[in-house]
Amino acid sequence: MKDVANFISGFRRFQEKYFSEDRNLFEQLQQGQRPKALIVACADSRVDPALLTGAEPGDMFVVRNVANLVPPYQPDGDFDSVAAALEFGVRSLEVEHIIVLGHAQCGGIHALMSGTGSDGEFIGKWVGIAQRARERVLAELPNKPTNLQDRACEQAAILVSLENLLTYPWIAERVAVGTMHLHGWYFDMADGSLFQYNPAGNAFESIAEQPGNQL
């Protein structure tokens, strides 16, 4: 109950900030939302995209799931909350950016790499979306330590999701004409660094290093 009490206290601080001290933001948001970015992030409790980016309410449309995965376009498939969220964010909210945010020490990717996801009812099938990332890592880094393979797969899985985004026709069309941009980000919680995928170099490059390393 202590944790729940802390959440309630946190809500009271939120309430005081946005509904007592400065009501302007939520008065505007009552008229509707118009975020410029949609972010696909992991459900991991340690990686909150709004906290990491300093976003205010209304700044980003957030989709969170295990291992920040985007399934391929399957209009005749069963229930798909990710596809529904993408459709709403792109076609209704008209976001201009989609960011796939992966991170170090991802439990979902570890389950994929180790095969432990098959022990559950849902995890194995879900993380299987990134199976080709796993196969690539095992082919290219067959003798590397598990932690290095996991890290490589965490980043490779981001690329799988970016590729899958382009299977949605209404995303591919916008990317083709330049009204939408796709981004792959990777957060390293060990040192607080943020990396962005650079297609030209086919590599993740630092865009925000650990504070003590900045010039």
Protein backbone atom coordinates (compact mmCIF):
# COMPACT_ATOMS: atom_id res chain seq x y z
CA MET A 1 0.00 0.00 0.00
CA LYS A 2 2.97 2.32 0.49
CA ASP A 3 3.66 2.39 -3.25
CA VAL A 4 0.03 3.22 -4.01
CA ALA A 5 0.12 6.00 -1.43
CA ASN A 6 3.21 7.41 -3.14
CA PHE A 7 1.38 7.39 -6.48
CA ILE A 8 -1.53 9.31 -4.93
CA SER A 9 0.87 11.84 -3.45
CA GLY A 10 2.47 12.19 -6.85
CA PHE A 11 -0.91 12.82 -8.43
CA ARG A 12 -1.58 15.57 -5.90
CA ARG A 13 1.68 17.25 -6.94
CA PHE A 14 0.67 16.90 -10.58
CA GLN A 15 -2.77 18.31 -9.77
CA GLU A 16 -1.26 21.28 -7.94
CA LYS A 17 1.15 22.04 -10.79
CA TYR A 18 -1.28 21.80 -13.68
CA PHE A 19 -4.63 22.65 -12.12
CA SER A 20 -3.72 25.20 -9.46
CA GLU A 21 -0.49 26.99 -10.34
CA ASP A 22 -0.86 27.08 -14.13
CA ARG A 23 -4.09 25.89 -15.73
CA ASN A 24 -3.29 27.19 -19.22
CA LEU A 25 -1.88 23.94 -20.58
CA PHE A 26 -4.84 21.74 -19.68
CA GLU A 27 -7.30 24.43 -20.69
CA GLN A 28 -5.75 24.18 -24.15
CA LEU A 29 -5.63 20.37 -24.08
CA GLN A 30 -9.35 20.22 -23.32
CA GLN A 31 -9.85 21.42 -26.89
CA GLY A 32 -8.07 18.33 -28.22
CA GLN A 33 -4.61 16.87 -28.70
CA ARG A 34 -2.21 17.61 -31.54
CA PRO A 35 1.13 15.95 -30.75
CA LYS A 36 3.86 16.14 -33.37
CA ALA A 37 5.45 12.81 -32.44
CA LEU A 38 4.36 9.24 -31.82
CA ILE A 39 6.76 7.13 -29.81
CA VAL A 40 6.79 3.33 -29.61
CA ALA A 41 8.47 2.49 -26.32
CA CYS A 42 8.98 -0.51 -24.08
CA ALA A 43 6.65 -1.27 -21.18
CA ASP A 44 9.74 -1.55 -18.96
CA SER A 45 9.15 0.45 -15.78
CA ARG A 46 12.66 1.94 -15.96
CA VAL A 47 12.21 3.57 -19.36
CA ASP A 48 9.53 6.25 -19.35
CA PRO A 49 9.66 8.17 -22.66
CA ALA A 50 8.05 11.32 -21.26
CA LEU A 51 10.49 11.37 -18.35
CA LEU A 52 13.50 10.73 -20.61
CA THR A 53 12.59 13.50 -23.02
CA GLY A 54 11.14 16.03 -20.60
CA ALA A 55 7.88 16.01 -22.54
CA GLU A 56 4.85 17.88 -21.28
CA PRO A 57 1.30 16.48 -21.47
CA GLY A 58 0.15 16.67 -25.07
CA ASP A 59 3.66 16.59 -26.59
CA MET A 60 3.77 12.95 -27.67
CA PHE A 61 1.40 10.09 -28.44
CA VAL A 62 2.88 7.08 -26.66
CA VAL A 63 2.50 3.39 -27.52
CA ARG A 64 4.15 1.02 -25.04
CA ASN A 65 4.54 -2.73 -25.26
CA VAL A 66 7.02 -5.48 -24.44
CA ALA A 67 10.33 -4.76 -26.25
CA ASN A 68 8.96 -1.72 -28.13
CA LEU A 69 7.98 -3.83 -31.14
CA VAL A 70 5.92 -2.92 -34.20
CA PRO A 71 4.23 -5.89 -35.90
CA PRO A 72 3.97 -5.88 -39.71
CA TYR A 73 0.86 -4.59 -41.42
CA GLN A 74 -1.85 -7.27 -41.23
CA PRO A 75 -5.27 -5.73 -41.86
CA ASP A 76 -7.00 -9.10 -41.61
CA GLY A 77 -5.29 -10.05 -38.34
CA ASP A 78 -6.83 -10.36 -34.90
CA PHE A 79 -6.90 -7.62 -32.29
CA ASP A 80 -3.82 -5.43 -32.61
CA SER A 81 -3.53 -2.50 -30.25
CA VAL A 82 -0.25 -1.32 -31.80
CA ALA A 83 -1.72 -1.10 -35.31
CA ALA A 84 -4.79 0.69 -33.95
CA ALA A 85 -2.62 3.21 -32.11
CA LEU A 86 -0.48 3.78 -35.21
CA GLU A 87 -3.58 4.31 -37.32
CA PHE A 88 -5.01 6.83 -34.89
CA GLY A 89 -1.72 8.66 -34.41
CA VAL A 90 -0.94 8.86 -38.11
CA ARG A 91 -4.32 9.23 -39.79
CA SER A 92 -6.25 11.14 -37.13
CA LEU A 93 -3.62 13.08 -35.18
CA GLU A 94 -1.33 13.46 -38.20
CA VAL A 95 1.92 13.10 -36.26
CA GLU A 96 5.04 14.10 -38.18
CA HIS A 97 7.53 11.82 -36.44
CA ILE A 98 7.48 8.21 -35.27
CA ILE A 99 10.24 7.24 -32.84
CA VAL A 100 10.98 3.63 -31.92
CA LEU A 101 12.71 3.81 -28.53
CA GLY A 102 14.62 0.70 -27.48
CA HIS A 103 16.83 0.31 -24.45
CA ALA A 104 19.61 -1.70 -22.81
CA GLN A 105 18.82 -4.67 -20.56
CA CYS A 106 15.44 -5.28 -22.20
CA GLY A 107 13.73 -8.30 -20.67
CA GLY A 108 11.67 -8.96 -23.77
CA ILE A 109 14.71 -9.11 -26.03
CA HIS A 110 16.52 -11.31 -23.52
CA ALA A 111 13.55 -13.69 -23.62
CA LEU A 112 13.79 -13.73 -27.41
CA MET A 113 17.52 -14.41 -27.42
CA SER A 114 17.44 -17.05 -24.68
CA GLY A 115 14.22 -18.72 -25.78
CA THR A 116 12.67 -18.31 -22.32
CA GLY A 117 9.70 -16.47 -23.79
CA SER A 118 8.29 -19.79 -24.94
CA ASP A 119 7.57 -20.65 -21.31
CA GLY A 120 4.64 -18.23 -21.21
CA GLU A 121 1.35 -17.98 -23.08
CA PHE A 122 1.93 -14.69 -24.87
CA ILE A 123 5.54 -13.43 -24.57
CA GLY A 124 7.14 -15.89 -26.97
CA LYS A 125 4.75 -15.20 -29.82
CA TRP A 126 4.97 -11.45 -29.30
CA VAL A 127 8.77 -11.13 -29.18
CA GLY A 128 8.90 -13.46 -32.17
CA ILE A 129 8.12 -10.34 -34.21
CA ALA A 130 11.86 -9.66 -33.94
CA GLN A 131 12.95 -13.21 -34.78
CA ARG A 132 14.96 -12.06 -37.79
CA ALA A 133 16.93 -9.72 -35.52
CA ARG A 134 17.81 -12.71 -33.33
CA GLU A 135 18.86 -14.76 -36.34
CA ARG A 136 21.06 -11.94 -37.62
CA VAL A 137 22.82 -11.53 -34.28
CA LEU A 138 23.45 -15.26 -33.87
CA ALA A 139 24.84 -15.41 -37.41
CA GLU A 140 27.10 -12.37 -37.05
CA LEU A 141 28.10 -12.73 -33.39
CA PRO A 142 27.93 -16.48 -32.73
CA ASN A 143 30.65 -16.66 -30.07
CA LYS A 144 30.11 -13.37 -28.25
CA PRO A 145 29.00 -13.17 -24.59
CA THR A 146 25.27 -13.20 -23.94
CA ASN A 147 25.15 -9.58 -22.82
CA LEU A 148 26.74 -8.40 -26.07
CA GLN A 149 24.38 -10.52 -28.14
CA ASP A 150 21.41 -9.13 -26.22
CA ARG A 151 22.59 -5.56 -26.81
CA ALA A 152 23.07 -6.21 -30.52
CA CYS A 153 19.59 -7.71 -30.73
CA GLU A 154 18.05 -4.78 -28.83
CA GLN A 155 19.35 -2.49 -31.54
CA ALA A 156 18.60 -4.86 -34.41
CA ALA A 157 15.01 -5.20 -33.17
CA ILE A 158 14.59 -1.42 -33.46
CA LEU A 159 15.49 -1.74 -37.15
CA VAL A 160 12.94 -4.53 -37.56
CA SER A 161 10.26 -2.25 -36.15
CA LEU A 162 11.32 0.59 -38.46
CA GLU A 163 11.09 -1.79 -41.42
CA ASN A 164 7.68 -3.00 -40.26
CA LEU A 165 6.42 0.58 -39.98
CA LEU A 166 6.98 0.97 -43.72
CA THR A 167 4.67 -1.98 -44.41
CA TYR A 168 1.74 0.24 -43.35
CA PRO A 169 0.70 1.97 -46.59
CA TRP A 170 -0.45 5.19 -44.93
CA ILE A 171 2.93 5.46 -43.19
CA ALA A 172 4.99 4.58 -46.26
CA GLU A 173 3.12 7.17 -48.34
CA ARG A 174 3.85 9.95 -45.86
CA VAL A 175 7.50 8.97 -45.51
CA ALA A 176 7.87 8.93 -49.29
CA VAL A 177 6.64 12.50 -49.69
CA GLY A 178 8.53 13.78 -46.63
CA THR A 179 5.61 14.65 -44.38
CA MET A 180 6.62 11.99 -41.86
CA HIS A 181 10.00 10.92 -40.52
CA LEU A 182 10.98 7.68 -38.77
CA HIS A 183 13.60 7.53 -36.03
CA GLY A 184 15.30 4.68 -34.18
CA TRP A 185 16.56 5.56 -30.68
CA TYR A 186 18.41 3.43 -28.15
CA PHE A 187 18.73 4.38 -24.47
CA ASP A 188 21.63 2.95 -22.47
CA MET A 189 20.54 3.12 -18.85
CA ALA A 190 24.01 2.08 -17.64
CA ASP A 191 25.51 5.47 -18.44
CA GLY A 192 22.53 7.59 -19.45
CA SER A 193 23.43 7.82 -23.15
CA LEU A 194 20.99 8.10 -26.03
CA PHE A 195 21.79 6.82 -29.52
CA GLN A 196 20.06 7.38 -32.85
CA TYR A 197 20.22 5.09 -35.85
CA ASN A 198 21.99 6.62 -38.84
CA PRO A 199 20.96 4.81 -42.05
CA ALA A 200 23.89 6.30 -43.96
CA GLY A 201 26.40 4.67 -41.66
CA ASN A 202 24.17 1.72 -40.73
CA ALA A 203 25.01 2.34 -37.07
CA PHE A 204 23.65 3.81 -33.86
CA GLU A 205 25.40 7.08 -33.07
CA SER A 206 25.39 9.03 -29.82
CA ILE A 207 23.09 12.05 -29.77
CA ALA A 208 23.10 12.62 -26.01
CA GLU A 209 26.01 11.32 -23.99
CA GLN A 210 26.29 10.81 -20.24
CA PRO A 211 26.38 14.33 -18.65
CA GLY A 212 29.93 14.05 -17.39
CA ASN A 213 31.17 13.32 -20.93
CA GLN A 214 29.75 16.43 -22.55
CA LEU A 215 32.11 19.15 -23.76
